[in-house]
């Protein structure tokens, strides 16, 4: 049985103390800005839904994503345990956001950063990584996970060939879960004063949804945890059957959502169900969020809210629902993709006007 990390209250108080330095209320470096992100009510886009809807706005982190949390936590822990020292190299597999967070931490702490990145990642993300000083290896997305060209295998090989390196390995690192158990979960519980009834989050590595859910379920086991998956991913069916169906795997566009393997950083036992969303609807939903709420968010945020709309249509929420949706990153990472009209047109993305159109969009991706 897994040992539960305690005590959360001391951790949260520790974060507050980090902001005080002598007589000045300042941050000593950018890493001290990580966490304590705001909870923002949705007012317009969900006005026809039953219940109250709030977003955990992770773009407020200095690296503009929830991945700042795991980068700082994992590197800090490795330092305390003597596993890395200044001048060493940190290696990681990433769709972009984790890589940026690690590169940011490396810049502050004095480490070299080498990343294996999926070619599905936007050019915006890849250029940002290089700007932060990371060495970037772009790998094909549409190959099996055990293919030597996959970003999993490329990162592993770089780690093996690089003396004095640490491989974060976020997909198979329990610390990915712990980081959110110690921060995101407590923050949501405190910000909602324990009123939260539903947590909705996309699942890629699974660390964000799993760690947050573990904490919230310990506080109230009745909280529903609803994961969002992509068509082309195996995660939803694996959750329901315990089996990997390779027939479900096909290319899709959403970054950081779903998988063609089962990450051990996903704790399926704390997730109640998964809902799948399409590339096109998720992209248009992200655009709608910006226009309706003034929140400029990334592709997975659009996917998360698209999932909420589908769940609402299925009667998931009522007047007493207090729904928290994790918006995991910022829209600036997707200017060459979902916020680019030419790119949207190239993908053939149109707004489905009926259930049949939605099915046609899904079939066109396979």
Protein backbone atom coordinates (compact mmCIF):
# COMPACT_ATOMS: atom_id res chain seq x y z
CA UNK A 1 0.00 0.00 0.00
CA UNK A 2 1.24 3.45 -0.92
CA UNK A 3 2.33 5.70 1.94
CA UNK A 4 0.26 8.87 1.96
CA UNK A 5 2.34 12.02 1.92
CA UNK A 6 1.77 14.11 5.04
CA UNK A 7 1.36 16.76 6.17
CA UNK A 8 -0.13 18.90 3.41
CA UNK A 9 -0.83 21.89 5.68
CA UNK A 10 2.87 22.30 6.51
CA UNK A 11 3.74 22.22 2.79
CA UNK A 12 1.24 24.97 1.99
CA UNK A 13 2.45 27.13 4.86
CA UNK A 14 5.99 26.63 3.60
CA UNK A 15 5.03 28.02 0.19
CA UNK A 16 3.60 31.13 1.82
CA UNK A 17 6.78 31.70 3.80
CA UNK A 18 8.92 31.55 0.66
CA UNK A 19 7.54 34.92 -0.40
CA UNK A 20 8.95 36.78 2.63
CA UNK A 21 12.64 37.75 2.58
CA UNK A 22 13.68 40.02 5.42
CA UNK A 23 11.61 43.17 5.35
CA UNK A 24 10.71 42.75 1.68
CA UNK A 25 7.79 40.82 0.22
CA UNK A 26 9.56 39.60 -2.92
CA UNK A 27 10.31 36.51 -4.94
CA UNK A 28 13.99 35.58 -4.95
CA UNK A 29 13.59 33.99 -8.38
CA UNK A 30 10.90 33.04 -10.89
CA UNK A 31 10.46 29.55 -9.39
CA UNK A 32 8.94 31.02 -6.24
CA UNK A 33 6.00 32.17 -8.34
CA UNK A 34 4.93 28.58 -9.02
CA UNK A 35 1.61 27.42 -7.56
CA UNK A 36 -1.20 29.17 -5.71
CA UNK A 37 -2.94 29.78 -9.05
CA UNK A 38 -6.36 31.47 -9.06
CA UNK A 39 -9.76 29.85 -9.29
CA UNK A 40 -11.90 31.76 -11.79
CA UNK A 41 -15.67 31.53 -12.22
CA UNK A 42 -17.04 30.93 -15.72
CA UNK A 43 -19.92 33.34 -16.25
CA UNK A 44 -20.92 33.32 -19.91
CA UNK A 45 -19.95 30.15 -21.72
CA UNK A 46 -21.63 27.91 -19.12
CA UNK A 47 -24.65 30.12 -18.43
CA UNK A 48 -27.11 27.57 -19.82
CA UNK A 49 -25.70 24.70 -17.75
CA UNK A 50 -26.90 23.55 -14.34
CA UNK A 51 -24.46 24.22 -11.52
CA UNK A 52 -21.52 26.52 -10.83
CA UNK A 53 -18.38 26.20 -12.95
CA UNK A 54 -14.87 27.35 -12.07
CA UNK A 55 -11.48 26.97 -13.73
CA UNK A 56 -8.15 26.37 -12.03
CA UNK A 57 -6.15 28.76 -14.21
CA UNK A 58 -2.71 27.13 -14.45
CA UNK A 59 -1.49 29.63 -17.06
CA UNK A 60 -0.95 31.90 -14.06
CA UNK A 61 2.22 29.91 -13.27
CA UNK A 62 5.39 31.66 -14.50
CA UNK A 63 5.95 28.96 -17.12
CA UNK A 64 2.30 29.32 -18.16
CA UNK A 65 1.31 25.73 -17.36
CA UNK A 66 0.56 23.20 -14.63
CA UNK A 67 3.83 21.46 -15.48
CA UNK A 68 5.77 24.07 -13.49
CA UNK A 69 4.59 22.25 -10.38
CA UNK A 70 6.12 18.89 -11.25
CA UNK A 71 9.35 20.36 -12.65
CA UNK A 72 10.08 22.26 -9.44
CA UNK A 73 8.97 19.46 -7.11
CA UNK A 74 10.95 16.70 -8.85
CA UNK A 75 14.13 18.78 -9.21
CA UNK A 76 13.95 20.07 -5.62
CA UNK A 77 13.52 16.53 -4.31
CA UNK A 78 16.44 15.24 -6.40
CA UNK A 79 18.64 18.01 -5.02
CA UNK A 80 17.70 17.23 -1.42
CA UNK A 81 18.46 13.55 -1.98
CA UNK A 82 21.83 14.33 -3.60
CA UNK A 83 20.87 12.85 -6.97
CA UNK A 84 21.87 15.95 -8.94
CA UNK A 85 24.26 18.86 -8.50
CA UNK A 86 24.81 22.13 -10.40
CA UNK A 87 26.32 21.46 -13.80
CA UNK A 88 24.52 18.13 -14.24
CA UNK A 89 22.05 17.47 -17.06
CA UNK A 90 18.30 16.97 -16.82
CA UNK A 91 16.68 14.95 -19.61
CA UNK A 92 12.98 14.68 -20.36
CA UNK A 93 10.31 13.51 -22.77
CA UNK A 94 7.75 16.25 -23.41
CA UNK A 95 5.00 17.57 -25.65
CA UNK A 96 6.32 21.01 -24.78
CA UNK A 97 4.98 22.31 -21.48
CA UNK A 98 6.97 20.09 -19.12
CA UNK A 99 10.05 20.79 -21.18
CA UNK A 100 9.58 24.54 -20.83
CA UNK A 101 9.10 24.21 -17.07
CA UNK A 102 12.23 22.08 -16.73
CA UNK A 103 14.24 24.44 -18.94
CA UNK A 104 13.10 27.36 -16.80
CA UNK A 105 14.16 25.57 -13.60
CA UNK A 106 17.48 24.56 -15.17
CA UNK A 107 18.20 28.17 -16.14
CA UNK A 108 17.69 29.29 -12.54
CA UNK A 109 19.45 26.37 -10.86
CA UNK A 110 22.39 25.89 -13.22
CA UNK A 111 21.64 22.61 -15.01
CA UNK A 112 21.90 21.66 -18.65
CA UNK A 113 18.56 20.68 -20.21
CA UNK A 114 18.09 18.15 -23.04
CA UNK A 115 14.59 17.40 -24.30
CA UNK A 116 13.00 14.87 -26.64
CA UNK A 117 9.92 16.52 -28.12
CA UNK A 118 7.07 15.12 -30.21
CA UNK A 119 6.78 16.63 -33.68
CA UNK A 120 3.08 17.10 -32.88
CA UNK A 121 4.14 19.94 -30.58
CA UNK A 122 3.54 23.38 -32.01
CA UNK A 123 6.43 25.37 -33.45
CA UNK A 124 5.66 27.95 -30.79
CA UNK A 125 6.48 25.45 -28.06
CA UNK A 126 9.63 24.16 -29.75
CA UNK A 127 11.04 27.65 -30.29
CA UNK A 128 10.24 28.59 -26.69
CA UNK A 129 12.24 25.58 -25.47
CA UNK A 130 15.26 26.63 -27.48
CA UNK A 131 14.87 30.22 -26.27
CA UNK A 132 15.12 28.93 -22.69
CA UNK A 133 18.46 27.28 -23.51
CA UNK A 134 17.28 23.70 -23.93
CA UNK A 135 18.77 21.29 -26.44
CA UNK A 136 15.75 20.03 -28.38
CA UNK A 137 15.46 16.71 -30.23
CA UNK A 138 12.29 16.59 -32.34
CA UNK A 139 10.90 13.04 -32.70
CA UNK A 140 8.05 11.58 -34.80
CA UNK A 141 4.75 11.35 -32.91
CA UNK A 142 3.10 8.64 -34.98
CA UNK A 143 5.38 5.73 -34.11
CA UNK A 144 4.94 3.04 -31.41
CA UNK A 145 6.18 3.96 -27.94
CA UNK A 146 8.92 1.32 -28.11
CA UNK A 147 10.19 2.50 -31.51
CA UNK A 148 13.80 3.79 -31.22
CA UNK A 149 12.64 7.03 -32.88
CA UNK A 150 9.88 7.72 -30.32
CA UNK A 151 10.48 10.52 -27.89
CA UNK A 152 10.33 8.06 -25.00
CA UNK A 153 13.18 5.99 -26.42
CA UNK A 154 15.20 8.97 -27.60
CA UNK A 155 15.12 10.53 -24.11
CA UNK A 156 16.04 7.23 -22.48
CA UNK A 157 19.02 6.78 -24.82
CA UNK A 158 20.21 10.36 -24.23
CA UNK A 159 20.07 9.73 -20.48
CA UNK A 160 22.04 6.47 -20.80
CA UNK A 161 24.69 8.17 -22.94
CA UNK A 162 25.02 11.31 -20.78
CA UNK A 163 27.11 11.03 -17.58
CA UNK A 164 25.75 13.07 -14.68
CA UNK A 165 22.22 13.15 -16.05
CA UNK A 166 18.79 12.64 -14.51
CA UNK A 167 15.80 11.47 -16.54
CA UNK A 168 12.59 13.00 -15.17
CA UNK A 169 10.45 10.40 -17.01
CA UNK A 170 7.16 12.12 -16.14
CA UNK A 171 4.96 9.37 -17.61
CA UNK A 172 6.35 6.80 -15.19
CA UNK A 173 7.34 8.90 -12.20
CA UNK A 174 5.22 8.73 -9.06
CA UNK A 175 6.52 12.18 -8.07
CA UNK A 176 4.41 13.59 -10.92
CA UNK A 177 1.35 12.57 -8.89
CA UNK A 178 2.82 13.68 -5.57
CA UNK A 179 3.47 17.22 -6.81
CA UNK A 180 -0.24 17.76 -7.45
CA UNK A 181 -1.29 15.89 -4.31
CA UNK A 182 0.75 18.38 -2.31
CA UNK A 183 -0.26 21.54 -4.16
CA UNK A 184 -3.10 21.55 -6.71
CA UNK A 185 -5.44 19.40 -4.63
CA UNK A 186 -5.06 21.42 -1.40
CA UNK A 187 -5.38 24.69 -3.29
CA UNK A 188 -8.70 23.65 -4.89
CA UNK A 189 -10.05 22.37 -1.56
CA UNK A 190 -9.17 25.62 0.17
CA UNK A 191 -10.36 27.88 -2.66
CA UNK A 192 -13.78 26.16 -2.82
CA UNK A 193 -14.00 25.86 0.98
CA UNK A 194 -14.60 22.16 0.47
CA UNK A 195 -17.67 22.72 -1.72
CA UNK A 196 -16.23 21.13 -4.87
CA UNK A 197 -18.43 18.28 -6.17
CA UNK A 198 -16.72 17.55 -9.51
CA UNK A 199 -13.16 17.76 -10.80
CA UNK A 200 -12.71 17.76 -14.58
CA UNK A 201 -9.24 17.47 -16.08
CA UNK A 202 -7.50 16.22 -19.19
CA UNK A 203 -5.24 13.21 -18.81
CA UNK A 204 -1.90 12.93 -20.59
CA UNK A 205 0.75 11.69 -18.18
CA UNK A 206 -2.12 11.57 -15.68
CA UNK A 207 -0.15 13.26 -12.91
CA UNK A 208 -2.32 16.37 -12.65
CA UNK A 209 -5.66 14.60 -12.48
CA UNK A 210 -4.36 11.75 -10.29
CA UNK A 211 -2.58 13.81 -7.65
CA UNK A 212 -5.37 16.37 -7.41
CA UNK A 213 -8.00 13.63 -7.25
CA UNK A 214 -6.15 11.68 -4.54
CA UNK A 215 -6.16 14.68 -2.25
CA UNK A 216 -9.76 15.68 -2.94
CA UNK A 217 -11.07 12.11 -2.58
CA UNK A 218 -9.36 11.86 0.81
CA UNK A 219 -11.25 14.97 1.86
CA UNK A 220 -14.57 13.84 0.36
CA UNK A 221 -14.91 10.47 -1.35
CA UNK A 222 -18.15 11.62 -3.03
CA UNK A 223 -16.32 14.09 -5.29
CA UNK A 224 -16.63 12.92 -8.89
CA UNK A 225 -13.39 12.92 -10.88
CA UNK A 226 -14.03 13.10 -14.62
CA UNK A 227 -11.13 12.62 -17.02
CA UNK A 228 -10.99 13.89 -20.59
CA UNK A 229 -9.42 11.71 -23.28
CA UNK A 230 -8.89 12.08 -27.04
CA UNK A 231 -10.13 9.99 -29.94
CA UNK A 232 -7.03 8.09 -31.04
CA UNK A 233 -5.96 7.42 -27.43
CA UNK A 234 -6.25 4.17 -25.45
CA UNK A 235 -6.82 5.72 -22.00
CA UNK A 236 -10.64 5.68 -21.74
CA UNK A 237 -11.00 2.06 -22.83
CA UNK A 238 -8.10 0.96 -20.63
CA UNK A 239 -9.81 2.58 -17.64
CA UNK A 240 -13.02 0.71 -18.40
CA UNK A 241 -11.60 -2.71 -19.33
CA UNK A 242 -8.03 -2.90 -18.05
CA UNK A 243 -6.93 -3.80 -21.57
CA UNK A 244 -4.93 -1.93 -24.21
CA UNK A 245 -6.78 -1.90 -27.53
CA UNK A 246 -4.26 -0.98 -30.24
CA UNK A 247 -7.13 -0.68 -32.72
CA UNK A 248 -8.07 2.55 -30.95
CA UNK A 249 -4.75 4.18 -31.77
CA UNK A 250 -4.65 6.67 -34.63
CA UNK A 251 -3.10 10.14 -35.11
CA UNK A 252 -4.80 13.13 -33.54
CA UNK A 253 -3.89 16.79 -33.09
CA UNK A 254 -4.46 17.70 -29.43
CA UNK A 255 -1.15 18.02 -27.59
CA UNK A 256 -0.68 16.73 -24.04
CA UNK A 257 -3.90 14.72 -24.00
CA UNK A 258 -4.32 10.95 -24.22
CA UNK A 259 -1.69 8.32 -24.90
CA UNK A 260 -0.79 5.26 -26.97
CA UNK A 261 0.60 3.59 -23.84
CA UNK A 262 -0.48 3.35 -20.18
CA UNK A 263 1.44 5.83 -17.98
CA UNK A 264 2.10 4.59 -14.46
CA UNK A 265 1.76 8.25 -13.40
CA UNK A 266 -1.99 7.79 -13.90
CA UNK A 267 -3.84 6.48 -10.83
CA UNK A 268 -6.95 5.09 -12.52
CA UNK A 269 -8.46 4.13 -9.14
CA UNK A 270 -9.25 7.77 -8.26
CA UNK A 271 -10.80 8.63 -11.65
CA UNK A 272 -14.52 7.86 -11.98
CA UNK A 273 -14.88 8.01 -15.76
CA UNK A 274 -13.43 9.32 -18.99
CA UNK A 275 -15.08 11.26 -21.81
CA UNK A 276 -13.56 11.51 -25.29
CA UNK A 277 -13.46 14.72 -27.31
CA UNK A 278 -12.57 15.53 -30.92
CA UNK A 279 -9.73 17.68 -32.22
CA UNK A 280 -12.03 20.10 -34.02
CA UNK A 281 -14.53 20.71 -31.23
CA UNK A 282 -11.73 21.18 -28.68
CA UNK A 283 -10.00 23.74 -30.91
CA UNK A 284 -13.18 25.74 -31.46
CA UNK A 285 -14.01 25.56 -27.76
CA UNK A 286 -10.65 27.10 -26.86
CA UNK A 287 -11.43 29.97 -29.22
CA UNK A 288 -14.90 30.35 -27.71
CA UNK A 289 -13.45 30.54 -24.19
CA UNK A 290 -11.31 33.50 -25.21
CA UNK A 291 -14.26 35.35 -26.73
CA UNK A 292 -16.75 34.53 -23.98
CA UNK A 293 -14.60 34.73 -20.84
CA UNK A 294 -11.47 36.67 -21.82
CA UNK A 295 -9.31 33.71 -20.84
CA UNK A 296 -6.63 32.91 -23.43
CA UNK A 297 -6.10 29.18 -23.00
CA UNK A 298 -4.44 26.21 -24.68
CA UNK A 299 -5.74 23.25 -26.66
CA UNK A 300 -6.32 20.96 -23.66
CA UNK A 301 -8.33 23.67 -21.90
CA UNK A 302 -10.66 23.70 -24.89
CA UNK A 303 -10.80 19.91 -24.67
CA UNK A 304 -11.63 20.03 -20.95
CA UNK A 305 -14.54 22.42 -21.42
CA UNK A 306 -15.75 20.51 -24.47
CA UNK A 307 -15.87 17.45 -22.22
CA UNK A 308 -17.86 19.42 -19.65
CA UNK A 309 -20.42 20.39 -22.31
CA UNK A 310 -20.81 16.76 -23.35
CA UNK A 311 -21.15 15.64 -19.73
CA UNK A 312 -23.76 18.34 -19.13
CA UNK A 313 -25.75 17.03 -22.11
CA UNK A 314 -25.66 13.61 -20.45
CA UNK A 315 -27.15 15.01 -17.23
CA UNK A 316 -23.97 14.81 -15.13
CA UNK A 317 -24.52 18.11 -13.32
CA UNK A 318 -27.41 19.63 -11.34
CA UNK A 319 -28.16 22.90 -9.54
CA UNK A 320 -25.99 21.84 -6.60
CA UNK A 321 -22.90 20.98 -8.65
CA UNK A 322 -19.69 22.87 -7.90
CA UNK A 323 -17.47 21.97 -10.83
CA UNK A 324 -13.74 22.74 -10.99
CA UNK A 325 -12.10 22.39 -14.42
CA UNK A 326 -8.33 22.45 -14.76
CA UNK A 327 -7.23 24.76 -17.58
CA UNK A 328 -3.67 23.57 -17.87
CA UNK A 329 -1.85 26.08 -20.07
CA UNK A 330 -1.84 29.34 -22.02
CA UNK A 331 -3.05 30.05 -25.54
CA UNK A 332 0.20 31.70 -26.61
CA UNK A 333 1.66 28.21 -27.08
CA UNK A 334 -0.78 27.57 -29.95
CA UNK A 335 -0.63 30.67 -32.12
CA UNK A 336 0.58 28.61 -35.09
CA UNK A 337 -2.16 26.04 -34.56
CA UNK A 338 -5.65 26.48 -33.11
CA UNK A 339 -5.46 30.28 -33.19
CA UNK A 340 -4.26 30.28 -36.79
CA UNK A 341 -7.11 30.33 -39.32
CA UNK A 342 -4.95 28.82 -42.07
CA UNK A 343 -3.95 25.88 -39.85
CA UNK A 344 -7.56 25.25 -38.85
CA UNK A 345 -8.56 25.23 -42.50
CA UNK A 346 -5.71 22.87 -43.40
CA UNK A 347 -6.99 20.38 -40.82
CA UNK A 348 -10.48 20.58 -42.29
CA UNK A 349 -11.86 21.72 -38.94
CA UNK A 350 -15.49 22.79 -39.14
CA UNK A 351 -18.02 23.15 -36.38
CA UNK A 352 -20.20 20.00 -36.20
CA UNK A 353 -23.86 20.90 -36.57
CA UNK A 354 -25.24 17.50 -35.64
CA UNK A 355 -24.29 14.20 -34.03
CA UNK A 356 -23.71 12.77 -37.50
CA UNK A 357 -21.23 15.53 -38.36
CA UNK A 358 -19.38 14.81 -35.12
CA UNK A 359 -19.09 11.12 -36.05
CA UNK A 360 -17.81 12.09 -39.51
CA UNK A 361 -15.13 14.30 -37.93
CA UNK A 362 -14.00 11.41 -35.71
CA UNK A 363 -13.91 8.94 -38.60
CA UNK A 364 -11.90 11.34 -40.73
CA UNK A 365 -9.08 11.22 -38.17
CA UNK A 366 -8.71 7.45 -38.17
